[in-house]
Amino acid sequence: MRVLSAFLYFLAAACLHAHSVHRSTAEAEYNPQTKKLEVSLTVFVSDLELALVRQSEREMRIDQTPAAEFDAQIRTYLVKNFVVTDAAGKLAKVEWVGREMDEESAKSGDPAVVLFFEMGMPDGLRGQKLKNAVFQDLFKDQINLLHLREGGQKVELRFVRDEVVKILKG
């Protein structure tokens, strides 16, 4: 029985990162009224679960772990891996908003989830640095894309393992 349990655990772990594309996509917009960067980050559920298992050292399943516990682990992960700092090195606080399953991908064998959060940025984007290292520790070929909007300006940033920090606006 123990051997069967171990086999099932390793099989489940292998399935957690079975897809060949390792990418996250974020949409972010600076809101000048609230002085916050509003972010929606789309990730594969299997990648997120794997990252949270490694972080928490216990099983974390989006459909089985209590929502408050799962969301707290997501927030902890974001605080370490999606980080905005100003020129003085002060960190922008991550404010968790919620999550939603991506309806299109939910029908596939590899569903995605959209994570919603905000980051207080009272001085705006100018001179801010963003570290987007989401899943960079899991996959060598991980690519994180960010579509950033501020007013009428749009910028697309690409984060890879050797370039996880970008200046948002010079």
C-alpha atoms as a PDB file:
ATOM      1  CA  MET A   1       0.000   0.000   0.000  1.00  0.00           C
ATOM      2  CA  ARG A   2       2.842   2.378   0.867  1.00  0.00           C
ATOM      3  CA  VAL A   3       4.489   1.767  -2.521  1.00  0.00           C
ATOM      4  CA  LEU A   4       1.195   2.485  -4.287  1.00  0.00           C
ATOM      5  CA  SER A   5       0.771   5.735  -2.341  1.00  0.00           C
ATOM      6  CA  ALA A   6       4.310   6.833  -3.212  1.00  0.00           C
ATOM      7  CA  PHE A   7       3.735   5.976  -6.876  1.00  0.00           C
ATOM      8  CA  LEU A   8       0.494   7.995  -6.976  1.00  0.00           C
ATOM      9  CA  TYR A   9       2.208  10.965  -5.309  1.00  0.00           C
ATOM     10  CA  PHE A  10       5.025  10.988  -7.890  1.00  0.00           C
ATOM     11  CA  LEU A  11       2.529  10.549 -10.728  1.00  0.00           C
ATOM     12  CA  ALA A  12       0.512  13.523  -9.471  1.00  0.00           C
ATOM     13  CA  ALA A  13       3.664  15.604  -9.082  1.00  0.00           C
ATOM     14  CA  ALA A  14       4.720  14.782 -12.645  1.00  0.00           C
ATOM     15  CA  CYS A  15       1.311  15.851 -13.944  1.00  0.00           C
ATOM     16  CA  LEU A  16       1.598  19.179 -12.156  1.00  0.00           C
ATOM     17  CA  HIS A  17       4.116  20.393 -14.717  1.00  0.00           C
ATOM     18  CA  ALA A  18       3.193  18.327 -17.759  1.00  0.00           C
ATOM     19  CA  HIS A  19       2.587  21.176 -20.221  1.00  0.00           C
ATOM     20  CA  SER A  20       5.388  22.301 -22.501  1.00  0.00           C
ATOM     21  CA  VAL A  21       4.771  26.052 -22.274  1.00  0.00           C
ATOM     22  CA  HIS A  22       6.016  27.800 -19.152  1.00  0.00           C
ATOM     23  CA  ARG A  23       4.561  31.282 -19.310  1.00  0.00           C
ATOM     24  CA  SER A  24       2.601  33.746 -17.255  1.00  0.00           C
ATOM     25  CA  THR A  25       0.851  36.809 -18.591  1.00  0.00           C
ATOM     26  CA  ALA A  26       0.069  39.888 -16.523  1.00  0.00           C
ATOM     27  CA  GLU A  27      -2.074  42.882 -17.343  1.00  0.00           C
ATOM     28  CA  ALA A  28      -1.306  45.888 -15.152  1.00  0.00           C
ATOM     29  CA  GLU A  29      -2.714  49.403 -15.117  1.00  0.00           C
ATOM     30  CA  TYR A  30      -1.725  52.302 -12.916  1.00  0.00           C
ATOM     31  CA  ASN A  31      -4.794  53.974 -11.402  1.00  0.00           C
ATOM     32  CA  PRO A  32      -3.935  57.630 -10.632  1.00  0.00           C
ATOM     33  CA  GLN A  33      -7.045  58.076  -8.426  1.00  0.00           C
ATOM     34  CA  THR A  34      -6.208  55.219  -6.046  1.00  0.00           C
ATOM     35  CA  LYS A  35      -2.434  55.476  -6.691  1.00  0.00           C
ATOM     36  CA  LYS A  36      -2.289  51.719  -7.136  1.00  0.00           C
ATOM     37  CA  LEU A  37      -1.004  49.351  -9.761  1.00  0.00           C
ATOM     38  CA  GLU A  38      -3.916  47.012 -10.519  1.00  0.00           C
ATOM     39  CA  VAL A  39      -2.674  43.609 -11.688  1.00  0.00           C
ATOM     40  CA  SER A  40      -4.279  40.516 -13.169  1.00  0.00           C
ATOM     41  CA  LEU A  41      -1.813  37.650 -13.510  1.00  0.00           C
ATOM     42  CA  THR A  42      -2.763  34.551 -15.512  1.00  0.00           C
ATOM     43  CA  VAL A  43      -0.908  31.337 -14.655  1.00  0.00           C
ATOM     44  CA  PHE A  44      -1.399  27.616 -15.181  1.00  0.00           C
ATOM     45  CA  VAL A  45      -3.053  26.024 -12.150  1.00  0.00           C
ATOM     46  CA  SER A  46      -0.545  23.151 -12.182  1.00  0.00           C
ATOM     47  CA  ASP A  47       2.408  25.578 -12.033  1.00  0.00           C
ATOM     48  CA  LEU A  48       0.803  27.543  -9.207  1.00  0.00           C
ATOM     49  CA  GLU A  49       0.079  24.413  -7.195  1.00  0.00           C
ATOM     50  CA  LEU A  50       3.641  23.180  -7.663  1.00  0.00           C
ATOM     51  CA  ALA A  51       5.073  26.526  -6.511  1.00  0.00           C
ATOM     52  CA  LEU A  52       2.800  26.590  -3.459  1.00  0.00           C
ATOM     53  CA  VAL A  53       3.626  22.973  -2.540  1.00  0.00           C
ATOM     54  CA  ARG A  54       7.321  23.817  -2.599  1.00  0.00           C
ATOM     55  CA  GLN A  55       6.790  27.002  -0.623  1.00  0.00           C
ATOM     56  CA  SER A  56       4.513  25.542   2.048  1.00  0.00           C
ATOM     57  CA  GLU A  57       5.980  22.018   2.086  1.00  0.00           C
ATOM     58  CA  ARG A  58       2.493  20.515   2.116  1.00  0.00           C
ATOM     59  CA  GLU A  59      -0.139  19.632  -0.448  1.00  0.00           C
ATOM     60  CA  MET A  60      -1.873  22.660  -1.955  1.00  0.00           C
ATOM     61  CA  ARG A  61      -4.707  22.029  -4.417  1.00  0.00           C
ATOM     62  CA  ILE A  62      -6.884  24.807  -5.780  1.00  0.00           C
ATOM     63  CA  ASP A  63      -9.952  22.572  -5.613  1.00  0.00           C
ATOM     64  CA  GLN A  64      -9.238  20.916  -2.250  1.00  0.00           C
ATOM     65  CA  THR A  65      -7.340  23.362  -0.025  1.00  0.00           C
ATOM     66  CA  PRO A  66      -9.567  25.821   1.878  1.00  0.00           C
ATOM     67  CA  ALA A  67      -9.749  29.065  -0.155  1.00  0.00           C
ATOM     68  CA  ALA A  68      -8.442  31.312   2.650  1.00  0.00           C
ATOM     69  CA  GLU A  69      -5.383  29.076   3.157  1.00  0.00           C
ATOM     70  CA  PHE A  70      -4.717  28.756  -0.584  1.00  0.00           C
ATOM     71  CA  ASP A  71      -5.073  32.519  -1.122  1.00  0.00           C
ATOM     72  CA  ALA A  72      -2.761  33.284   1.803  1.00  0.00           C
ATOM     73  CA  GLN A  73      -0.115  31.065   0.214  1.00  0.00           C
ATOM     74  CA  ILE A  74      -0.585  32.852  -3.129  1.00  0.00           C
ATOM     75  CA  ARG A  75      -0.126  36.232  -1.457  1.00  0.00           C
ATOM     76  CA  THR A  76       3.033  35.025   0.305  1.00  0.00           C
ATOM     77  CA  TYR A  77       4.350  33.752  -3.023  1.00  0.00           C
ATOM     78  CA  LEU A  78       3.593  37.058  -4.773  1.00  0.00           C
ATOM     79  CA  VAL A  79       5.274  39.100  -2.023  1.00  0.00           C
ATOM     80  CA  LYS A  80       8.505  37.231  -2.831  1.00  0.00           C
ATOM     81  CA  ASN A  81       8.201  36.930  -6.610  1.00  0.00           C
ATOM     82  CA  PHE A  82       6.224  39.919  -7.940  1.00  0.00           C
ATOM     83  CA  VAL A  83       7.925  42.826  -6.229  1.00  0.00           C
ATOM     84  CA  VAL A  84       7.875  46.569  -6.927  1.00  0.00           C
ATOM     85  CA  THR A  85      10.476  48.800  -5.286  1.00  0.00           C
ATOM     86  CA  ASP A  86      11.068  52.531  -5.538  1.00  0.00           C
ATOM     87  CA  ALA A  87      14.452  54.224  -6.020  1.00  0.00           C
ATOM     88  CA  ALA A  88      15.053  54.101  -2.255  1.00  0.00           C
ATOM     89  CA  GLY A  89      14.362  50.350  -2.140  1.00  0.00           C
ATOM     90  CA  LYS A  90      10.969  50.667  -0.414  1.00  0.00           C
ATOM     91  CA  LEU A  91       8.653  47.756  -1.269  1.00  0.00           C
ATOM     92  CA  ALA A  92       5.128  48.288  -2.592  1.00  0.00           C
ATOM     93  CA  LYS A  93       2.629  46.334  -0.489  1.00  0.00           C
ATOM     94  CA  VAL A  94       0.724  43.528  -2.238  1.00  0.00           C
ATOM     95  CA  GLU A  95      -3.019  43.741  -1.563  1.00  0.00           C
ATOM     96  CA  TRP A  96      -4.809  40.527  -2.476  1.00  0.00           C
ATOM     97  CA  VAL A  97      -8.094  41.030  -4.361  1.00  0.00           C
ATOM     98  CA  GLY A  98      -9.008  37.488  -5.413  1.00  0.00           C
ATOM     99  CA  ARG A  99      -8.781  34.828  -8.102  1.00  0.00           C
ATOM    100  CA  GLU A 100     -10.904  33.428 -10.874  1.00  0.00           C
ATOM    101  CA  MET A 101     -10.596  30.362 -13.053  1.00  0.00           C
ATOM    102  CA  ASP A 102      -9.975  31.174 -16.720  1.00  0.00           C
ATOM    103  CA  GLU A 103     -13.175  29.897 -18.370  1.00  0.00           C
ATOM    104  CA  GLU A 104     -11.624  29.089 -21.750  1.00  0.00           C
ATOM    105  CA  SER A 105      -8.821  26.980 -20.293  1.00  0.00           C
ATOM    106  CA  ALA A 106     -11.046  25.342 -17.657  1.00  0.00           C
ATOM    107  CA  LYS A 107     -12.307  22.986 -20.357  1.00  0.00           C
ATOM    108  CA  SER A 108      -8.766  21.909 -21.240  1.00  0.00           C
ATOM    109  CA  GLY A 109      -6.578  19.419 -19.456  1.00  0.00           C
ATOM    110  CA  ASP A 110      -4.368  22.278 -18.240  1.00  0.00           C
ATOM    111  CA  PRO A 111      -6.542  25.061 -16.805  1.00  0.00           C
ATOM    112  CA  ALA A 112      -5.347  28.535 -15.899  1.00  0.00           C
ATOM    113  CA  VAL A 113      -6.298  30.852 -13.071  1.00  0.00           C
ATOM    114  CA  VAL A 114      -6.270  34.652 -12.994  1.00  0.00           C
ATOM    115  CA  LEU A 115      -4.869  36.227  -9.822  1.00  0.00           C
ATOM    116  CA  PHE A 116      -6.003  39.761  -8.992  1.00  0.00           C
ATOM    117  CA  PHE A 117      -3.994  42.028  -6.705  1.00  0.00           C
ATOM    118  CA  GLU A 118      -3.008  45.659  -6.267  1.00  0.00           C
ATOM    119  CA  MET A 119       0.158  47.397  -5.209  1.00  0.00           C
ATOM    120  CA  GLY A 120       0.197  50.823  -3.555  1.00  0.00           C
ATOM    121  CA  MET A 121       2.408  53.222  -5.514  1.00  0.00           C
ATOM    122  CA  PRO A 122       1.827  56.770  -4.207  1.00  0.00           C
ATOM    123  CA  ASP A 123       4.603  58.236  -6.376  1.00  0.00           C
ATOM    124  CA  GLY A 124       3.432  56.621  -9.626  1.00  0.00           C
ATOM    125  CA  LEU A 125       5.481  54.421 -11.928  1.00  0.00           C
ATOM    126  CA  ARG A 126       8.458  56.672 -12.625  1.00  0.00           C
ATOM    127  CA  GLY A 127      11.681  55.100 -11.349  1.00  0.00           C
ATOM    128  CA  GLN A 128       9.953  51.992  -9.964  1.00  0.00           C
ATOM    129  CA  LYS A 129      11.557  48.579 -10.457  1.00  0.00           C
ATOM    130  CA  LEU A 130       9.533  45.421 -10.959  1.00  0.00           C
ATOM    131  CA  LYS A 131      10.890  41.973 -10.179  1.00  0.00           C
ATOM    132  CA  ASN A 132       8.720  39.369 -11.879  1.00  0.00           C
ATOM    133  CA  ALA A 133      10.290  36.043 -10.925  1.00  0.00           C
ATOM    134  CA  VAL A 134       7.055  34.042 -10.929  1.00  0.00           C
ATOM    135  CA  PHE A 135       7.955  30.356 -11.455  1.00  0.00           C
ATOM    136  CA  GLN A 136      11.531  31.250 -12.478  1.00  0.00           C
ATOM    137  CA  ASP A 137      12.793  28.879  -9.776  1.00  0.00           C
ATOM    138  CA  LEU A 138      10.681  26.031 -11.215  1.00  0.00           C
ATOM    139  CA  PHE A 139      11.353  26.187 -14.949  1.00  0.00           C
ATOM    140  CA  LYS A 140      14.489  27.243 -16.830  1.00  0.00           C
ATOM    141  CA  ASP A 141      12.404  28.307 -19.831  1.00  0.00           C
ATOM    142  CA  GLN A 142       9.821  30.321 -17.843  1.00  0.00           C
ATOM    143  CA  ILE A 143       8.736  33.554 -19.583  1.00  0.00           C
ATOM    144  CA  ASN A 144       6.683  36.188 -17.774  1.00  0.00           C
ATOM    145  CA  LEU A 145       4.989  38.823 -19.921  1.00  0.00           C
ATOM    146  CA  LEU A 146       3.626  42.096 -18.568  1.00  0.00           C
ATOM    147  CA  HIS A 147       1.304  44.398 -20.502  1.00  0.00           C
ATOM    148  CA  LEU A 148       1.499  47.707 -18.635  1.00  0.00           C
ATOM    149  CA  ARG A 149      -0.826  50.679 -19.130  1.00  0.00           C
ATOM    150  CA  GLU A 150      -0.597  54.135 -17.664  1.00  0.00           C
ATOM    151  CA  GLY A 151      -2.999  56.636 -19.134  1.00  0.00           C
ATOM    152  CA  GLY A 152      -2.666  56.348 -22.909  1.00  0.00           C
ATOM    153  CA  GLN A 153       0.769  54.722 -22.781  1.00  0.00           C
ATOM    154  CA  LYS A 154       1.214  50.974 -23.224  1.00  0.00           C
ATOM    155  CA  VAL A 155       4.397  48.981 -22.712  1.00  0.00           C
ATOM    156  CA  GLU A 156       5.097  45.264 -22.923  1.00  0.00           C
ATOM    157  CA  LEU A 157       7.871  43.825 -20.752  1.00  0.00           C
ATOM    158  CA  ARG A 158       9.332  40.330 -20.965  1.00  0.00           C
ATOM    159  CA  PHE A 159      10.953  38.700 -17.921  1.00  0.00           C
ATOM    160  CA  VAL A 160      13.193  35.634 -18.252  1.00  0.00           C
ATOM    161  CA  ARG A 161      15.436  33.848 -15.771  1.00  0.00           C
ATOM    162  CA  ASP A 162      18.463  36.127 -16.244  1.00  0.00           C
ATOM    163  CA  GLU A 163      16.338  39.294 -16.466  1.00  0.00           C
ATOM    164  CA  VAL A 164      13.724  39.259 -13.733  1.00  0.00           C
ATOM    165  CA  VAL A 165      14.015  42.981 -12.856  1.00  0.00           C
ATOM    166  CA  LYS A 166      12.925  45.832 -15.142  1.00  0.00           C
ATOM    167  CA  ILE A 167      12.515  49.562 -14.606  1.00  0.00           C
ATOM    168  CA  LEU A 168       8.869  50.391 -15.199  1.00  0.00           C
ATOM    169  CA  LYS A 169       9.484  53.955 -16.377  1.00  0.00           C
ATOM    170  CA  GLY A 170      12.759  55.780 -16.692  1.00  0.00           C
END
